[in-house]
Amino acid sequence: MTKAEIVSKIADKLGLDKNDVQATVENFMEEVKASLESGNNVYLRGFGSFIIKTRAEKTGRNISKNTTLKIPAHNIPAFKPAKVFVEGVKAKVKVKSSKKK
């Protein structure tokens, strides 16, 4: 599902103008981004949490030059779904078979 599809569905359900809904969705995303960039997690009860995870320093390899390089510790944004969110997906989405041919 794309952002445009989300905006369209919300506008249809609530009877609102698509431009207003799009502005709201974009502002929501900007606020989440700004909060994470300032070092604060975002908690949405019943939906999930946008959190900052720290990746440890590690050694990587550049296989084309056959050299090793140090990848410094860094932070990345992550999403952790709420328990009810996970349970809903488990209950309603069928498991795709992973048979290899």
PDB file of N, CA and C in Angstrom:
ATOM      1  N   MET A   1       0.855  -1.172   0.000  1.00  0.00           N
ATOM      2  CA  MET A   1       0.000   0.000   0.000  1.00  0.00           C
ATOM      3  C   MET A   1       0.903   1.239   0.000  1.00  0.00           C
ATOM      4  N   THR A   2       0.559   2.208  -0.810  1.00  0.00           N
ATOM      5  CA  THR A   2       1.341   3.435  -0.901  1.00  0.00           C
ATOM      6  C   THR A   2       0.712   4.534  -0.051  1.00  0.00           C
ATOM      7  N   LYS A   3       1.464   5.624   0.110  1.00  0.00           N
ATOM      8  CA  LYS A   3       0.949   6.767   0.865  1.00  0.00           C
ATOM      9  C   LYS A   3      -0.312   7.312   0.200  1.00  0.00           C
ATOM     10  N   ALA A   4      -0.322   7.366  -1.128  1.00  0.00           N
ATOM     11  CA  ALA A   4      -1.495   7.861  -1.860  1.00  0.00           C
ATOM     12  C   ALA A   4      -2.719   6.990  -1.590  1.00  0.00           C
ATOM     13  N   GLU A   5      -2.520   5.689  -1.517  1.00  0.00           N
ATOM     14  CA  GLU A   5      -3.637   4.776  -1.235  1.00  0.00           C
ATOM     15  C   GLU A   5      -4.140   4.957   0.197  1.00  0.00           C
ATOM     16  N   ILE A   6      -3.223   5.168   1.132  1.00  0.00           N
ATOM     17  CA  ILE A   6      -3.622   5.415   2.522  1.00  0.00           C
ATOM     18  C   ILE A   6      -4.447   6.694   2.604  1.00  0.00           C
ATOM     19  N   VAL A   7      -3.950   7.762   1.961  1.00  0.00           N
ATOM     20  CA  VAL A   7      -4.660   9.043   1.955  1.00  0.00           C
ATOM     21  C   VAL A   7      -6.052   8.868   1.366  1.00  0.00           C
ATOM     22  N   SER A   8      -6.149   8.165   0.252  1.00  0.00           N
ATOM     23  CA  SER A   8      -7.433   7.950  -0.417  1.00  0.00           C
ATOM     24  C   SER A   8      -8.415   7.198   0.480  1.00  0.00           C
ATOM     25  N   LYS A   9      -7.941   6.135   1.131  1.00  0.00           N
ATOM     26  CA  LYS A   9      -8.822   5.345   2.001  1.00  0.00           C
ATOM     27  C   LYS A   9      -9.319   6.161   3.189  1.00  0.00           C
ATOM     28  N   ILE A  10      -8.409   6.922   3.819  1.00  0.00           N
ATOM     29  CA  ILE A  10      -8.810   7.738   4.966  1.00  0.00           C
ATOM     30  C   ILE A  10      -9.805   8.812   4.538  1.00  0.00           C
ATOM     31  N   ALA A  11      -9.540   9.462   3.412  1.00  0.00           N
ATOM     32  CA  ALA A  11     -10.435  10.510   2.911  1.00  0.00           C
ATOM     33  C   ALA A  11     -11.822   9.940   2.628  1.00  0.00           C
ATOM     34  N   ASP A  12     -11.870   8.750   2.021  1.00  0.00           N
ATOM     35  CA  ASP A  12     -13.162   8.120   1.714  1.00  0.00           C
ATOM     36  C   ASP A  12     -13.909   7.727   2.983  1.00  0.00           C
ATOM     37  N   LYS A  13     -13.196   7.150   3.953  1.00  0.00           N
ATOM     38  CA  LYS A  13     -13.837   6.717   5.201  1.00  0.00           C
ATOM     39  C   LYS A  13     -14.381   7.877   6.014  1.00  0.00           C
ATOM     40  N   LEU A  14     -13.630   8.975   6.069  1.00  0.00           N
ATOM     41  CA  LEU A  14     -14.022  10.104   6.916  1.00  0.00           C
ATOM     42  C   LEU A  14     -14.747  11.207   6.170  1.00  0.00           C
ATOM     43  N   GLY A  15     -14.820  11.107   4.856  1.00  0.00           N
ATOM     44  CA  GLY A  15     -15.492  12.137   4.071  1.00  0.00           C
ATOM     45  C   GLY A  15     -14.735  13.457   4.072  1.00  0.00           C
ATOM     46  N   LEU A  16     -13.409  13.382   4.139  1.00  0.00           N
ATOM     47  CA  LEU A  16     -12.583  14.582   4.149  1.00  0.00           C
ATOM     48  C   LEU A  16     -11.938  14.809   2.794  1.00  0.00           C
ATOM     49  N   ASP A  17     -11.456  16.020   2.586  1.00  0.00           N
ATOM     50  CA  ASP A  17     -10.751  16.366   1.359  1.00  0.00           C
ATOM     51  C   ASP A  17      -9.405  15.640   1.336  1.00  0.00           C
ATOM     52  N   LYS A  18      -9.039  15.076   0.188  1.00  0.00           N
ATOM     53  CA  LYS A  18      -7.785  14.327   0.082  1.00  0.00           C
ATOM     54  C   LYS A  18      -6.571  15.205   0.376  1.00  0.00           C
ATOM     55  N   ASN A  19      -6.618  16.470   0.004  1.00  0.00           N
ATOM     56  CA  ASN A  19      -5.485  17.370   0.261  1.00  0.00           C
ATOM     57  C   ASN A  19      -5.271  17.571   1.759  1.00  0.00           C
ATOM     58  N   ASP A  20      -6.373  17.679   2.508  1.00  0.00           N
ATOM     59  CA  ASP A  20      -6.272  17.829   3.965  1.00  0.00           C
ATOM     60  C   ASP A  20      -5.697  16.567   4.608  1.00  0.00           C
ATOM     61  N   VAL A  21      -6.169  15.417   4.144  1.00  0.00           N
ATOM     62  CA  VAL A  21      -5.690  14.149   4.683  1.00  0.00           C
ATOM     63  C   VAL A  21      -4.218  13.961   4.335  1.00  0.00           C
ATOM     64  N   GLN A  22      -3.842  14.309   3.103  1.00  0.00           N
ATOM     65  CA  GLN A  22      -2.440  14.161   2.699  1.00  0.00           C
ATOM     66  C   GLN A  22      -1.540  15.059   3.554  1.00  0.00           C
ATOM     67  N   ALA A  23      -1.976  16.276   3.817  1.00  0.00           N
ATOM     68  CA  ALA A  23      -1.199  17.189   4.662  1.00  0.00           C
ATOM     69  C   ALA A  23      -1.059  16.618   6.072  1.00  0.00           C
ATOM     70  N   THR A  24      -2.122  16.025   6.581  1.00  0.00           N
ATOM     71  CA  THR A  24      -2.085  15.423   7.918  1.00  0.00           C
ATOM     72  C   THR A  24      -1.117  14.245   7.962  1.00  0.00           C
ATOM     73  N   VAL A  25      -1.199  13.364   6.981  1.00  0.00           N
ATOM     74  CA  VAL A  25      -0.311  12.190   6.931  1.00  0.00           C
ATOM     75  C   VAL A  25       1.146  12.636   6.809  1.00  0.00           C
ATOM     76  N   GLU A  26       1.409  13.597   5.940  1.00  0.00           N
ATOM     77  CA  GLU A  26       2.782  14.078   5.752  1.00  0.00           C
ATOM     78  C   GLU A  26       3.301  14.765   7.014  1.00  0.00           C
ATOM     79  N   ASN A  27       2.450  15.532   7.701  1.00  0.00           N
ATOM     80  CA  ASN A  27       2.858  16.161   8.955  1.00  0.00           C
ATOM     81  C   ASN A  27       3.136  15.123  10.042  1.00  0.00           C
ATOM     82  N   PHE A  28       2.328  14.066  10.080  1.00  0.00           N
ATOM     83  CA  PHE A  28       2.561  12.977  11.023  1.00  0.00           C
ATOM     84  C   PHE A  28       3.945  12.371  10.791  1.00  0.00           C
ATOM     85  N   MET A  29       4.243  12.081   9.529  1.00  0.00           N
ATOM     86  CA  MET A  29       5.537  11.476   9.209  1.00  0.00           C
ATOM     87  C   MET A  29       6.690  12.423   9.554  1.00  0.00           C
ATOM     88  N   GLU A  30       6.516  13.701   9.301  1.00  0.00           N
ATOM     89  CA  GLU A  30       7.554  14.690   9.638  1.00  0.00           C
ATOM     90  C   GLU A  30       7.779  14.763  11.144  1.00  0.00           C
ATOM     91  N   GLU A  31       6.701  14.704  11.924  1.00  0.00           N
ATOM     92  CA  GLU A  31       6.824  14.750  13.383  1.00  0.00           C
ATOM     93  C   GLU A  31       7.538  13.513  13.924  1.00  0.00           C
ATOM     94  N   VAL A  32       7.227  12.341  13.369  1.00  0.00           N
ATOM     95  CA  VAL A  32       7.909  11.116  13.791  1.00  0.00           C
ATOM     96  C   VAL A  32       9.393  11.236  13.457  1.00  0.00           C
ATOM     97  N   LYS A  33       9.695  11.667  12.250  1.00  0.00           N
ATOM     98  CA  LYS A  33      11.086  11.825  11.814  1.00  0.00           C
ATOM     99  C   LYS A  33      11.823  12.833  12.695  1.00  0.00           C
ATOM    100  N   ALA A  34      11.218  13.980  12.954  1.00  0.00           N
ATOM    101  CA  ALA A  34      11.847  15.022  13.779  1.00  0.00           C
ATOM    102  C   ALA A  34      12.096  14.514  15.202  1.00  0.00           C
ATOM    103  N   SER A  35      11.148  13.766  15.737  1.00  0.00           N
ATOM    104  CA  SER A  35      11.302  13.227  17.085  1.00  0.00           C
ATOM    105  C   SER A  35      12.474  12.257  17.156  1.00  0.00           C
ATOM    106  N   LEU A  36      12.567  11.347  16.176  1.00  0.00           N
ATOM    107  CA  LEU A  36      13.671  10.388  16.159  1.00  0.00           C
ATOM    108  C   LEU A  36      15.003  11.087  15.936  1.00  0.00           C
ATOM    109  N   GLU A  37      15.018  12.091  15.057  1.00  0.00           N
ATOM    110  CA  GLU A  37      16.260  12.825  14.801  1.00  0.00           C
ATOM    111  C   GLU A  37      16.732  13.593  16.028  1.00  0.00           C
ATOM    112  N   SER A  38      15.820  13.952  16.921  1.00  0.00           N
ATOM    113  CA  SER A  38      16.216  14.647  18.147  1.00  0.00           C
ATOM    114  C   SER A  38      16.495  13.668  19.293  1.00  0.00           C
ATOM    115  N   GLY A  39      16.438  12.368  19.005  1.00  0.00           N
ATOM    116  CA  GLY A  39      16.792  11.353  19.992  1.00  0.00           C
ATOM    117  C   GLY A  39      15.643  10.824  20.816  1.00  0.00           C
ATOM    118  N   ASN A  40      14.398  11.162  20.444  1.00  0.00           N
ATOM    119  CA  ASN A  40      13.223  10.708  21.200  1.00  0.00           C
ATOM    120  C   ASN A  40      12.461   9.635  20.439  1.00  0.00           C
ATOM    121  N   ASN A  41      12.059   8.589  21.148  1.00  0.00           N
ATOM    122  CA  ASN A  41      11.225   7.549  20.549  1.00  0.00           C
ATOM    123  C   ASN A  41       9.781   8.030  20.474  1.00  0.00           C
ATOM    124  N   VAL A  42       8.985   7.401  19.606  1.00  0.00           N
ATOM    125  CA  VAL A  42       7.571   7.741  19.458  1.00  0.00           C
ATOM    126  C   VAL A  42       6.762   6.496  19.788  1.00  0.00           C
ATOM    127  N   TYR A  43       5.850   6.602  20.765  1.00  0.00           N
ATOM    128  CA  TYR A  43       5.045   5.469  21.207  1.00  0.00           C
ATOM    129  C   TYR A  43       3.584   5.703  20.838  1.00  0.00           C
ATOM    130  N   LEU A  44       3.007   4.790  20.041  1.00  0.00           N
ATOM    131  CA  LEU A  44       1.604   4.863  19.650  1.00  0.00           C
ATOM    132  C   LEU A  44       0.909   3.627  20.208  1.00  0.00           C
ATOM    133  N   ARG A  45       0.249   3.804  21.334  1.00  0.00           N
ATOM    134  CA  ARG A  45      -0.377   2.692  22.040  1.00  0.00           C
ATOM    135  C   ARG A  45      -1.348   1.939  21.124  1.00  0.00           C
ATOM    136  N   GLY A  46      -1.217   0.618  21.095  1.00  0.00           N
ATOM    137  CA  GLY A  46      -2.076  -0.229  20.282  1.00  0.00           C
ATOM    138  C   GLY A  46      -1.609  -0.357  18.841  1.00  0.00           C
ATOM    139  N   PHE A  47      -0.581   0.402  18.444  1.00  0.00           N
ATOM    140  CA  PHE A  47      -0.050   0.346  17.081  1.00  0.00           C
ATOM    141  C   PHE A  47       1.402  -0.104  17.094  1.00  0.00           C
ATOM    142  N   GLY A  48       2.247   0.649  17.792  1.00  0.00           N
ATOM    143  CA  GLY A  48       3.652   0.288  17.863  1.00  0.00           C
ATOM    144  C   GLY A  48       4.515   1.468  18.247  1.00  0.00           C
ATOM    145  N   SER A  49       5.819   1.252  18.202  1.00  0.00           N
ATOM    146  CA  SER A  49       6.773   2.283  18.591  1.00  0.00           C
ATOM    147  C   SER A  49       7.811   2.492  17.503  1.00  0.00           C
ATOM    148  N   PHE A  50       8.095   3.744  17.225  1.00  0.00           N
ATOM    149  CA  PHE A  50       9.201   4.106  16.353  1.00  0.00           C
ATOM    150  C   PHE A  50      10.357   4.381  17.304  1.00  0.00           C
ATOM    151  N   ILE A  51      11.410   3.577  17.206  1.00  0.00           N
ATOM    152  CA  ILE A  51      12.496   3.662  18.163  1.00  0.00           C
ATOM    153  C   ILE A  51      13.835   3.840  17.461  1.00  0.00           C
ATOM    154  N   ILE A  52      14.831   4.217  18.250  1.00  0.00           N
ATOM    155  CA  ILE A  52      16.187   4.349  17.750  1.00  0.00           C
ATOM    156  C   ILE A  52      16.974   3.151  18.254  1.00  0.00           C
ATOM    157  N   LYS A  53      17.581   2.397  17.333  1.00  0.00           N
ATOM    158  CA  LYS A  53      18.411   1.258  17.696  1.00  0.00           C
ATOM    159  C   LYS A  53      19.865   1.622  17.423  1.00  0.00           C
ATOM    160  N   THR A  54      20.751   1.135  18.268  1.00  0.00           N
ATOM    161  CA  THR A  54      22.176   1.375  18.081  1.00  0.00           C
ATOM    162  C   THR A  54      22.822   0.115  17.527  1.00  0.00           C
ATOM    163  N   ARG A  55      23.514   0.267  16.430  1.00  0.00           N
ATOM    164  CA  ARG A  55      24.281  -0.827  15.835  1.00  0.00           C
ATOM    165  C   ARG A  55      25.710  -0.739  16.356  1.00  0.00           C
ATOM    166  N   ALA A  56      26.250  -1.850  16.793  1.00  0.00           N
ATOM    167  CA  ALA A  56      27.608  -1.878  17.331  1.00  0.00           C
ATOM    168  C   ALA A  56      28.634  -1.726  16.211  1.00  0.00           C
ATOM    169  N   GLU A  57      29.830  -1.305  16.587  1.00  0.00           N
ATOM    170  CA  GLU A  57      30.926  -1.226  15.634  1.00  0.00           C
ATOM    171  C   GLU A  57      31.262  -2.629  15.150  1.00  0.00           C
ATOM    172  N   LYS A  58      31.603  -2.755  13.872  1.00  0.00           N
ATOM    173  CA  LYS A  58      31.968  -4.072  13.353  1.00  0.00           C
ATOM    174  C   LYS A  58      32.973  -3.926  12.221  1.00  0.00           C
ATOM    175  N   THR A  59      33.558  -5.032  11.861  1.00  0.00           N
ATOM    176  CA  THR A  59      34.512  -5.061  10.762  1.00  0.00           C
ATOM    177  C   THR A  59      33.810  -5.590   9.532  1.00  0.00           C
ATOM    178  N   GLY A  60      33.960  -4.864   8.426  1.00  0.00           N
ATOM    179  CA  GLY A  60      33.366  -5.277   7.162  1.00  0.00           C
ATOM    180  C   GLY A  60      34.444  -5.555   6.137  1.00  0.00           C
ATOM    181  N   ARG A  61      34.040  -6.038   4.977  1.00  0.00           N
ATOM    182  CA  ARG A  61      35.008  -6.337   3.923  1.00  0.00           C
ATOM    183  C   ARG A  61      34.582  -5.702   2.618  1.00  0.00           C
ATOM    184  N   ASN A  62      35.528  -5.114   1.922  1.00  0.00           N
ATOM    185  CA  ASN A  62      35.323  -4.634   0.565  1.00  0.00           C
ATOM    186  C   ASN A  62      35.868  -5.733  -0.330  1.00  0.00           C
ATOM    187  N   ILE A  63      34.979  -6.566  -0.869  1.00  0.00           N
ATOM    188  CA  ILE A  63      35.440  -7.741  -1.607  1.00  0.00           C
ATOM    189  C   ILE A  63      36.086  -7.387  -2.950  1.00  0.00           C
ATOM    190  N   SER A  64      35.728  -6.237  -3.524  1.00  0.00           N
ATOM    191  CA  SER A  64      36.335  -5.872  -4.808  1.00  0.00           C
ATOM    192  C   SER A  64      37.798  -5.470  -4.641  1.00  0.00           C
ATOM    193  N   LYS A  65      38.149  -4.885  -3.486  1.00  0.00           N
ATOM    194  CA  LYS A  65      39.538  -4.483  -3.232  1.00  0.00           C
ATOM    195  C   LYS A  65      40.235  -5.438  -2.269  1.00  0.00           C
ATOM    196  N   ASN A  66      39.503  -6.431  -1.777  1.00  0.00           N
ATOM    197  CA  ASN A  66      40.008  -7.411  -0.832  1.00  0.00           C
ATOM    198  C   ASN A  66      40.637  -6.741   0.395  1.00  0.00           C
ATOM    199  N   THR A  67      39.904  -5.776   0.974  1.00  0.00           N
ATOM    200  CA  THR A  67      40.387  -5.083   2.162  1.00  0.00           C
ATOM    201  C   THR A  67      39.325  -5.148   3.249  1.00  0.00           C
ATOM    202  N   THR A  68      39.761  -4.949   4.478  1.00  0.00           N
ATOM    203  CA  THR A  68      38.809  -4.862   5.589  1.00  0.00           C
ATOM    204  C   THR A  68      38.648  -3.395   5.963  1.00  0.00           C
ATOM    205  N   LEU A  69      37.477  -3.076   6.480  1.00  0.00           N
ATOM    206  CA  LEU A  69      37.238  -1.720   6.926  1.00  0.00           C
ATOM    207  C   LEU A  69      36.412  -1.752   8.193  1.00  0.00           C
ATOM    208  N   LYS A  70      36.574  -0.720   8.996  1.00  0.00           N
ATOM    209  CA  LYS A  70      35.855  -0.638  10.261  1.00  0.00           C
ATOM    210  C   LYS A  70      34.570   0.154  10.031  1.00  0.00           C
ATOM    211  N   ILE A  71      33.448  -0.451  10.368  1.00  0.00           N
ATOM    212  CA  ILE A  71      32.155   0.220  10.283  1.00  0.00           C
ATOM    213  C   ILE A  71      31.848   0.730  11.687  1.00  0.00           C
ATOM    214  N   PRO A  72      31.794   2.056  11.863  1.00  0.00           N
ATOM    215  CA  PRO A  72      31.597   2.597  13.213  1.00  0.00           C
ATOM    216  C   PRO A  72      30.191   2.310  13.755  1.00  0.00           C
ATOM    217  N   ALA A  73      30.062   2.380  15.071  1.00  0.00           N
ATOM    218  CA  ALA A  73      28.747   2.240  15.700  1.00  0.00           C
ATOM    219  C   ALA A  73      27.857   3.374  15.197  1.00  0.00           C
ATOM    220  N   HIS A  74      26.585   3.074  14.991  1.00  0.00           N
ATOM    221  CA  HIS A  74      25.661   4.092  14.496  1.00  0.00           C
ATOM    222  C   HIS A  74      24.235   3.767  14.924  1.00  0.00           C
ATOM    223  N   ASN A  75      23.388   4.782  14.863  1.00  0.00           N
ATOM    224  CA  ASN A  75      21.973   4.624  15.218  1.00  0.00           C
ATOM    225  C   ASN A  75      21.143   4.491  13.952  1.00  0.00           C
ATOM    226  N   ILE A  76      20.078   3.690  14.040  1.00  0.00           N
ATOM    227  CA  ILE A  76      19.141   3.551  12.928  1.00  0.00           C
ATOM    228  C   ILE A  76      17.714   3.626  13.475  1.00  0.00           C
ATOM    229  N   PRO A  77      16.788   4.146  12.662  1.00  0.00           N
ATOM    230  CA  PRO A  77      15.386   4.119  13.094  1.00  0.00           C
ATOM    231  C   PRO A  77      14.809   2.717  12.897  1.00  0.00           C
ATOM    232  N   ALA A  78      13.882   2.348  13.768  1.00  0.00           N
ATOM    233  CA  ALA A  78      13.241   1.038  13.665  1.00  0.00           C
ATOM    234  C   ALA A  78      11.794   1.155  14.125  1.00  0.00           C
ATOM    235  N   PHE A  79      10.978   0.189  13.707  1.00  0.00           N
ATOM    236  CA  PHE A  79       9.585   0.142  14.133  1.00  0.00           C
ATOM    237  C   PHE A  79       9.361  -1.159  14.874  1.00  0.00           C
ATOM    238  N   LYS A  80       8.782  -1.064  16.058  1.00  0.00           N
ATOM    239  CA  LYS A  80       8.440  -2.255  16.835  1.00  0.00           C
ATOM    240  C   LYS A  80       6.926  -2.274  16.994  1.00  0.00           C
ATOM    241  N   PRO A  81       6.239  -3.218  16.328  1.00  0.00           N
ATOM    242  CA  PRO A  81       4.783  -3.245  16.419  1.00  0.00           C
ATOM    243  C   PRO A  81       4.294  -3.653  17.805  1.00  0.00           C
ATOM    244  N   ALA A  82       3.107  -3.149  18.161  1.00  0.00           N
ATOM    245  CA  ALA A  82       2.485  -3.501  19.436  1.00  0.00           C
ATOM    246  C   ALA A  82       2.032  -4.965  19.400  1.00  0.00           C
ATOM    247  N   LYS A  83       1.885  -5.537  20.568  1.00  0.00           N
ATOM    248  CA  LYS A  83       1.500  -6.951  20.678  1.00  0.00           C
ATOM    249  C   LYS A  83       0.175  -7.228  19.965  1.00  0.00           C
ATOM    250  N   VAL A  84      -0.820  -6.344  20.133  1.00  0.00           N
ATOM    251  CA  VAL A  84      -2.115  -6.568  19.483  1.00  0.00           C
ATOM    252  C   VAL A  84      -1.991  -6.468  17.962  1.00  0.00           C
ATOM    253  N   PHE A  85      -1.086  -5.624  17.483  1.00  0.00           N
ATOM    254  CA  PHE A  85      -0.821  -5.486  16.052  1.00  0.00           C
ATOM    255  C   PHE A  85      -0.258  -6.810  15.511  1.00  0.00           C
ATOM    256  N   VAL A  86       0.748  -7.347  16.193  1.00  0.00           N
ATOM    257  CA  VAL A  86       1.385  -8.598  15.776  1.00  0.00           C
ATOM    258  C   VAL A  86       0.379  -9.738  15.790  1.00  0.00           C
ATOM    259  N   GLU A  87      -0.413  -9.818  16.852  1.00  0.00           N
ATOM    260  CA  GLU A  87      -1.402 -10.899  16.961  1.00  0.00           C
ATOM    261  C   GLU A  87      -2.446 -10.812  15.856  1.00  0.00           C
ATOM    262  N   GLY A  88      -2.856  -9.595  15.495  1.00  0.00           N
ATOM    263  CA  GLY A  88      -3.819  -9.414  14.415  1.00  0.00           C
ATOM    264  C   GLY A  88      -3.280  -9.885  13.080  1.00  0.00           C
ATOM    265  N   VAL A  89      -2.028  -9.567  12.806  1.00  0.00           N
ATOM    266  CA  VAL A  89      -1.410 -10.004  11.546  1.00  0.00           C
ATOM    267  C   VAL A  89      -1.272 -11.520  11.540  1.00  0.00           C
ATOM    268  N   LYS A  90      -0.834 -12.095  12.656  1.00  0.00           N
ATOM    269  CA  LYS A  90      -0.691 -13.554  12.735  1.00  0.00           C
ATOM    270  C   LYS A  90      -2.025 -14.252  12.492  1.00  0.00           C
ATOM    271  N   ALA A  91      -3.103 -13.693  13.026  1.00  0.00           N
ATOM    272  CA  ALA A  91      -4.414 -14.328  12.928  1.00  0.00           C
ATOM    273  C   ALA A  91      -5.049 -14.172  11.545  1.00  0.00           C
ATOM    274  N   LYS A  92      -4.754 -13.054  10.852  1.00  0.00           N
ATOM    275  CA  LYS A  92      -5.477 -12.752   9.625  1.00  0.00           C
ATOM    276  C   LYS A  92      -4.706 -12.973   8.330  1.00  0.00           C
ATOM    277  N   VAL A  93      -3.386 -13.080   8.393  1.00  0.00           N
ATOM    278  CA  VAL A  93      -2.594 -13.245   7.176  1.00  0.00           C
ATOM    279  C   VAL A  93      -2.096 -14.673   7.082  1.00  0.00           C
ATOM    280  N   LYS A  94      -2.389 -15.314   5.949  1.00  0.00           N
ATOM    281  CA  LYS A  94      -1.956 -16.687   5.741  1.00  0.00           C
ATOM    282  C   LYS A  94      -0.448 -16.729   5.522  1.00  0.00           C
ATOM    283  N   VAL A  95       0.165 -17.807   5.981  1.00  0.00           N
ATOM    284  CA  VAL A  95       1.594 -18.022   5.781  1.00  0.00           C
ATOM    285  C   VAL A  95       1.801 -18.478   4.344  1.00  0.00           C
ATOM    286  N   LYS A  96       2.724 -17.811   3.675  1.00  0.00           N
ATOM    287  CA  LYS A  96       3.029 -18.184   2.290  1.00  0.00           C
ATOM    288  C   LYS A  96       3.955 -19.387   2.321  1.00  0.00           C
ATOM    289  N   SER A  97       3.713 -20.350   1.438  1.00  0.00           N
ATOM    290  CA  SER A  97       4.575 -21.527   1.414  1.00  0.00           C
ATOM    291  C   SER A  97       5.924 -21.139   0.834  1.00  0.00           C
ATOM    292  N   SER A  98       6.966 -21.737   1.375  1.00  0.00           N
ATOM    293  CA  SER A  98       8.315 -21.409   0.928  1.00  0.00           C
ATOM    294  C   SER A  98       8.997 -22.626   0.328  1.00  0.00           C
ATOM    295  N   LYS A  99       8.238 -23.391  -0.439  1.00  0.00           N
ATOM    296  CA  LYS A  99       8.795 -24.563  -1.089  1.00  0.00           C
ATOM    297  C   LYS A  99       9.717 -24.121  -2.221  1.00  0.00           C
ATOM    298  N   LYS A 100      10.902 -24.690  -2.219  1.00  0.00           N
ATOM    299  CA  LYS A 100      11.877 -24.373  -3.285  1.00  0.00           C
ATOM    300  C   LYS A 100      11.725 -25.401  -4.385  1.00  0.00           C
ATOM    301  N   LYS A 101      11.803 -24.915  -5.606  1.00  0.00           N
ATOM    302  CA  LYS A 101      11.656 -25.826  -6.758  1.00  0.00           C
ATOM    303  C   LYS A 101      12.995 -26.254  -7.291  1.00  0.00           C
TER     304      LYS A 101
END
